Amino acid sequence: MGALWIAHVTVTDEEAYKKYAAGATVAIAEHGGEFIARGGRFVQLEGKERPRNVVARFPDVETAEKCYHSEAYQAALNYARGASERELMIVETSE
């Protein structure tokens, strides 16, 4: 089954976060991930609102998790730490 990588983000340092986004984009692509939503319009219905929301599709949960733990993604993530407040989860799809 496929998987979605869902991130809810408040960026606090735009310049550092741009470096994260560039590196994360490469790492996600290297693991077969593709973005299906990236920072577009949203309607918050419940919970804490984050102005940036990102969804990427992966072949399966294991591949998405492998991407997160990869050297390339962890190097990118170093730029996001201290430059954002975020939640990230992987959800298996029913397809």
N, C-alpha and C. Protein backbone atom coordinates (compact mmCIF):
# COMPACT_ATOMS: atom_id res chain seq x y z
N MET A 1 0.83 -1.18 0.00
CA MET A 1 0.00 0.00 0.00
C MET A 1 0.87 1.25 0.00
N GLY A 2 0.36 2.31 -0.56
CA GLY A 2 1.10 3.56 -0.61
C GLY A 2 1.13 4.23 0.75
N ALA A 3 1.82 5.35 0.81
CA ALA A 3 1.94 6.10 2.06
C ALA A 3 2.01 7.59 1.75
N LEU A 4 1.48 8.37 2.68
CA LEU A 4 1.58 9.82 2.60
C LEU A 4 2.44 10.33 3.73
N TRP A 5 3.32 11.25 3.40
CA TRP A 5 4.18 11.95 4.35
C TRP A 5 3.52 13.30 4.51
N ILE A 6 3.04 13.61 5.71
CA ILE A 6 2.26 14.82 5.94
C ILE A 6 2.99 15.69 6.97
N ALA A 7 3.29 16.91 6.57
CA ALA A 7 3.99 17.85 7.45
C ALA A 7 3.16 19.11 7.63
N HIS A 8 3.10 19.57 8.87
CA HIS A 8 2.45 20.84 9.22
C HIS A 8 3.55 21.72 9.82
N VAL A 9 3.78 22.90 9.23
CA VAL A 9 4.98 23.66 9.56
C VAL A 9 4.68 25.14 9.77
N THR A 10 5.34 25.71 10.78
CA THR A 10 5.43 27.15 10.94
C THR A 10 6.91 27.49 10.77
N VAL A 11 7.23 28.24 9.73
CA VAL A 11 8.62 28.61 9.45
C VAL A 11 8.97 29.85 10.27
N THR A 12 10.10 29.79 10.98
CA THR A 12 10.55 30.92 11.79
C THR A 12 11.82 31.58 11.23
N ASP A 13 12.49 30.90 10.31
CA ASP A 13 13.69 31.44 9.66
C ASP A 13 13.64 31.02 8.19
N GLU A 14 13.16 31.93 7.34
CA GLU A 14 12.93 31.62 5.91
C GLU A 14 14.20 31.17 5.20
N GLU A 15 15.32 31.84 5.43
CA GLU A 15 16.56 31.51 4.72
C GLU A 15 17.04 30.09 5.05
N ALA A 16 17.06 29.75 6.31
CA ALA A 16 17.49 28.41 6.71
C ALA A 16 16.51 27.37 6.19
N TYR A 17 15.22 27.69 6.23
CA TYR A 17 14.22 26.72 5.80
C TYR A 17 14.29 26.46 4.30
N LYS A 18 14.68 27.45 3.52
CA LYS A 18 14.87 27.25 2.09
C LYS A 18 15.95 26.20 1.84
N LYS A 19 17.00 26.21 2.65
CA LYS A 19 18.06 25.22 2.51
C LYS A 19 17.53 23.82 2.86
N TYR A 20 16.70 23.76 3.90
CA TYR A 20 16.07 22.49 4.25
C TYR A 20 15.22 21.99 3.07
N ALA A 21 14.37 22.86 2.55
CA ALA A 21 13.45 22.47 1.48
C ALA A 21 14.20 21.95 0.26
N ALA A 22 15.29 22.59 -0.08
CA ALA A 22 16.08 22.14 -1.24
C ALA A 22 16.63 20.73 -1.02
N GLY A 23 17.23 20.50 0.13
CA GLY A 23 17.78 19.18 0.43
C GLY A 23 16.72 18.12 0.61
N ALA A 24 15.61 18.48 1.25
CA ALA A 24 14.52 17.53 1.46
C ALA A 24 13.90 17.11 0.13
N THR A 25 13.78 18.05 -0.79
CA THR A 25 13.20 17.74 -2.11
C THR A 25 14.02 16.67 -2.81
N VAL A 26 15.33 16.79 -2.74
CA VAL A 26 16.22 15.80 -3.37
C VAL A 26 16.07 14.45 -2.67
N ALA A 27 16.10 14.44 -1.34
CA ALA A 27 16.00 13.18 -0.59
C ALA A 27 14.68 12.48 -0.86
N ILE A 28 13.60 13.23 -0.90
CA ILE A 28 12.29 12.65 -1.15
C ILE A 28 12.23 12.04 -2.55
N ALA A 29 12.72 12.76 -3.53
CA ALA A 29 12.74 12.24 -4.90
C ALA A 29 13.59 10.98 -5.01
N GLU A 30 14.72 10.96 -4.32
CA GLU A 30 15.61 9.79 -4.35
C GLU A 30 14.93 8.54 -3.79
N HIS A 31 13.91 8.72 -2.99
CA HIS A 31 13.19 7.60 -2.38
C HIS A 31 11.83 7.36 -3.04
N GLY A 32 11.66 7.88 -4.24
CA GLY A 32 10.43 7.64 -4.98
C GLY A 32 9.25 8.46 -4.52
N GLY A 33 9.50 9.48 -3.72
CA GLY A 33 8.42 10.34 -3.24
C GLY A 33 8.08 11.42 -4.25
N GLU A 34 6.83 11.83 -4.27
CA GLU A 34 6.41 12.93 -5.12
C GLU A 34 5.46 13.83 -4.32
N PHE A 35 5.63 15.12 -4.48
CA PHE A 35 4.78 16.07 -3.76
C PHE A 35 3.41 16.14 -4.42
N ILE A 36 2.37 16.10 -3.60
CA ILE A 36 1.01 16.28 -4.11
C ILE A 36 0.38 17.54 -3.54
N ALA A 37 0.96 18.09 -2.49
CA ALA A 37 0.54 19.39 -1.94
C ALA A 37 1.76 20.00 -1.27
N ARG A 38 1.95 21.28 -1.52
CA ARG A 38 3.16 21.91 -0.98
C ARG A 38 2.88 23.40 -0.72
N GLY A 39 2.37 23.68 0.49
CA GLY A 39 2.21 25.07 0.90
C GLY A 39 1.03 25.80 0.31
N GLY A 40 0.10 25.12 -0.32
CA GLY A 40 -1.03 25.80 -0.95
C GLY A 40 -2.10 26.23 0.04
N ARG A 41 -3.17 26.69 -0.51
CA ARG A 41 -4.32 27.15 0.28
C ARG A 41 -4.85 26.00 1.14
N PHE A 42 -5.28 26.31 2.36
CA PHE A 42 -5.83 25.31 3.25
C PHE A 42 -6.91 25.94 4.13
N VAL A 43 -7.72 25.09 4.70
CA VAL A 43 -8.74 25.50 5.65
C VAL A 43 -8.52 24.68 6.92
N GLN A 44 -8.18 25.33 8.01
CA GLN A 44 -7.95 24.65 9.28
C GLN A 44 -9.29 24.45 9.98
N LEU A 45 -9.66 23.22 10.24
CA LEU A 45 -10.94 22.93 10.88
C LEU A 45 -10.79 22.57 12.36
N GLU A 46 -9.69 21.92 12.71
CA GLU A 46 -9.43 21.55 14.10
C GLU A 46 -7.94 21.58 14.36
N GLY A 47 -7.57 21.69 15.62
CA GLY A 47 -6.18 21.60 16.02
C GLY A 47 -5.39 22.88 15.75
N LYS A 48 -4.09 22.77 15.97
CA LYS A 48 -3.19 23.92 15.83
C LYS A 48 -2.97 24.24 14.36
N GLU A 49 -3.16 25.47 14.00
CA GLU A 49 -2.95 25.90 12.62
C GLU A 49 -1.46 26.12 12.36
N ARG A 50 -1.00 25.59 11.25
CA ARG A 50 0.36 25.82 10.75
C ARG A 50 0.22 26.36 9.33
N PRO A 51 0.89 27.45 9.01
CA PRO A 51 0.67 28.08 7.71
C PRO A 51 1.24 27.32 6.50
N ARG A 52 2.12 26.35 6.73
CA ARG A 52 2.68 25.59 5.61
C ARG A 52 2.35 24.12 5.82
N ASN A 53 1.72 23.52 4.83
CA ASN A 53 1.33 22.12 4.89
C ASN A 53 1.84 21.42 3.63
N VAL A 54 2.48 20.27 3.84
CA VAL A 54 3.11 19.56 2.73
C VAL A 54 2.68 18.10 2.78
N VAL A 55 2.34 17.56 1.61
CA VAL A 55 1.99 16.14 1.50
C VAL A 55 2.80 15.56 0.34
N ALA A 56 3.49 14.47 0.63
CA ALA A 56 4.24 13.75 -0.40
C ALA A 56 3.76 12.30 -0.41
N ARG A 57 3.68 11.73 -1.59
CA ARG A 57 3.25 10.33 -1.76
C ARG A 57 4.50 9.46 -1.94
N PHE A 58 4.52 8.33 -1.24
CA PHE A 58 5.60 7.35 -1.35
C PHE A 58 5.01 5.99 -1.71
N PRO A 59 5.84 5.09 -2.21
CA PRO A 59 5.35 3.75 -2.57
C PRO A 59 4.78 2.98 -1.37
N ASP A 60 5.36 3.18 -0.17
CA ASP A 60 4.90 2.46 1.02
C ASP A 60 5.47 3.14 2.27
N VAL A 61 4.96 2.74 3.42
CA VAL A 61 5.38 3.33 4.69
C VAL A 61 6.88 3.12 4.92
N GLU A 62 7.36 1.93 4.61
CA GLU A 62 8.77 1.63 4.86
C GLU A 62 9.70 2.54 4.07
N THR A 63 9.35 2.81 2.82
CA THR A 63 10.18 3.68 1.99
C THR A 63 10.14 5.11 2.51
N ALA A 64 8.98 5.57 2.94
CA ALA A 64 8.87 6.93 3.49
C ALA A 64 9.71 7.06 4.76
N GLU A 65 9.65 6.03 5.60
CA GLU A 65 10.43 6.06 6.84
C GLU A 65 11.92 5.97 6.54
N LYS A 66 12.28 5.16 5.56
CA LYS A 66 13.69 5.06 5.15
C LYS A 66 14.19 6.41 4.65
N CYS A 67 13.36 7.13 3.92
CA CYS A 67 13.71 8.47 3.46
C CYS A 67 14.00 9.38 4.64
N TYR A 68 13.11 9.37 5.63
CA TYR A 68 13.29 10.24 6.81
C TYR A 68 14.62 9.97 7.49
N HIS A 69 14.99 8.72 7.61
CA HIS A 69 16.22 8.35 8.32
C HIS A 69 17.46 8.38 7.43
N SER A 70 17.29 8.69 6.15
CA SER A 70 18.42 8.70 5.23
C SER A 70 19.41 9.83 5.57
N GLU A 71 20.63 9.62 5.17
CA GLU A 71 21.68 10.63 5.40
C GLU A 71 21.32 11.95 4.73
N ALA A 72 20.79 11.88 3.52
CA ALA A 72 20.45 13.09 2.77
C ALA A 72 19.35 13.88 3.46
N TYR A 73 18.30 13.19 3.93
CA TYR A 73 17.21 13.92 4.59
C TYR A 73 17.65 14.47 5.94
N GLN A 74 18.39 13.70 6.69
CA GLN A 74 18.86 14.17 7.99
C GLN A 74 19.77 15.38 7.86
N ALA A 75 20.58 15.42 6.80
CA ALA A 75 21.43 16.60 6.55
C ALA A 75 20.55 17.81 6.27
N ALA A 76 19.50 17.63 5.48
CA ALA A 76 18.57 18.74 5.20
C ALA A 76 17.84 19.16 6.47
N LEU A 77 17.44 18.18 7.26
CA LEU A 77 16.67 18.45 8.47
C LEU A 77 17.44 19.33 9.45
N ASN A 78 18.75 19.27 9.42
CA ASN A 78 19.55 20.14 10.29
C ASN A 78 19.23 21.61 10.06
N TYR A 79 18.86 21.99 8.83
CA TYR A 79 18.49 23.38 8.54
C TYR A 79 17.11 23.73 9.10
N ALA A 80 16.22 22.74 9.19
CA ALA A 80 14.86 23.00 9.68
C ALA A 80 14.83 23.14 11.20
N ARG A 81 15.73 22.45 11.88
CA ARG A 81 15.78 22.55 13.34
C ARG A 81 16.16 23.98 13.72
N GLY A 82 15.38 24.58 14.55
CA GLY A 82 15.64 25.96 14.94
C GLY A 82 15.11 26.98 13.94
N ALA A 83 14.65 26.51 12.78
CA ALA A 83 14.11 27.41 11.75
C ALA A 83 12.63 27.17 11.54
N SER A 84 12.06 26.25 12.34
CA SER A 84 10.64 25.92 12.16
C SER A 84 10.11 25.18 13.37
N GLU A 85 8.79 25.23 13.47
CA GLU A 85 8.06 24.37 14.40
C GLU A 85 7.23 23.47 13.50
N ARG A 86 7.27 22.15 13.74
CA ARG A 86 6.65 21.25 12.77
C ARG A 86 6.20 19.94 13.39
N GLU A 87 5.25 19.36 12.73
CA GLU A 87 4.82 18.00 13.00
C GLU A 87 4.95 17.25 11.68
N LEU A 88 5.37 16.01 11.76
CA LEU A 88 5.53 15.19 10.56
C LEU A 88 5.04 13.78 10.88
N MET A 89 4.24 13.24 9.97
CA MET A 89 3.76 11.88 10.15
C MET A 89 3.72 11.16 8.81
N ILE A 90 3.72 9.85 8.88
CA ILE A 90 3.55 8.99 7.71
C ILE A 90 2.25 8.21 7.92
N VAL A 91 1.40 8.23 6.92
CA VAL A 91 0.10 7.56 6.99
C VAL A 91 -0.03 6.61 5.81
N GLU A 92 -0.34 5.36 6.09
CA GLU A 92 -0.57 4.39 5.02
C GLU A 92 -1.88 4.69 4.32
N THR A 93 -1.88 4.60 3.01
CA THR A 93 -3.10 4.83 2.24
C THR A 93 -3.83 3.51 2.02
N SER A 94 -5.06 3.59 1.62
CA SER A 94 -5.85 2.38 1.39
C SER A 94 -5.80 1.94 -0.07
N GLU A 95 -4.97 2.59 -0.89
CA GLU A 95 -4.85 2.23 -2.31
C GLU A 95 -3.85 1.13 -2.50
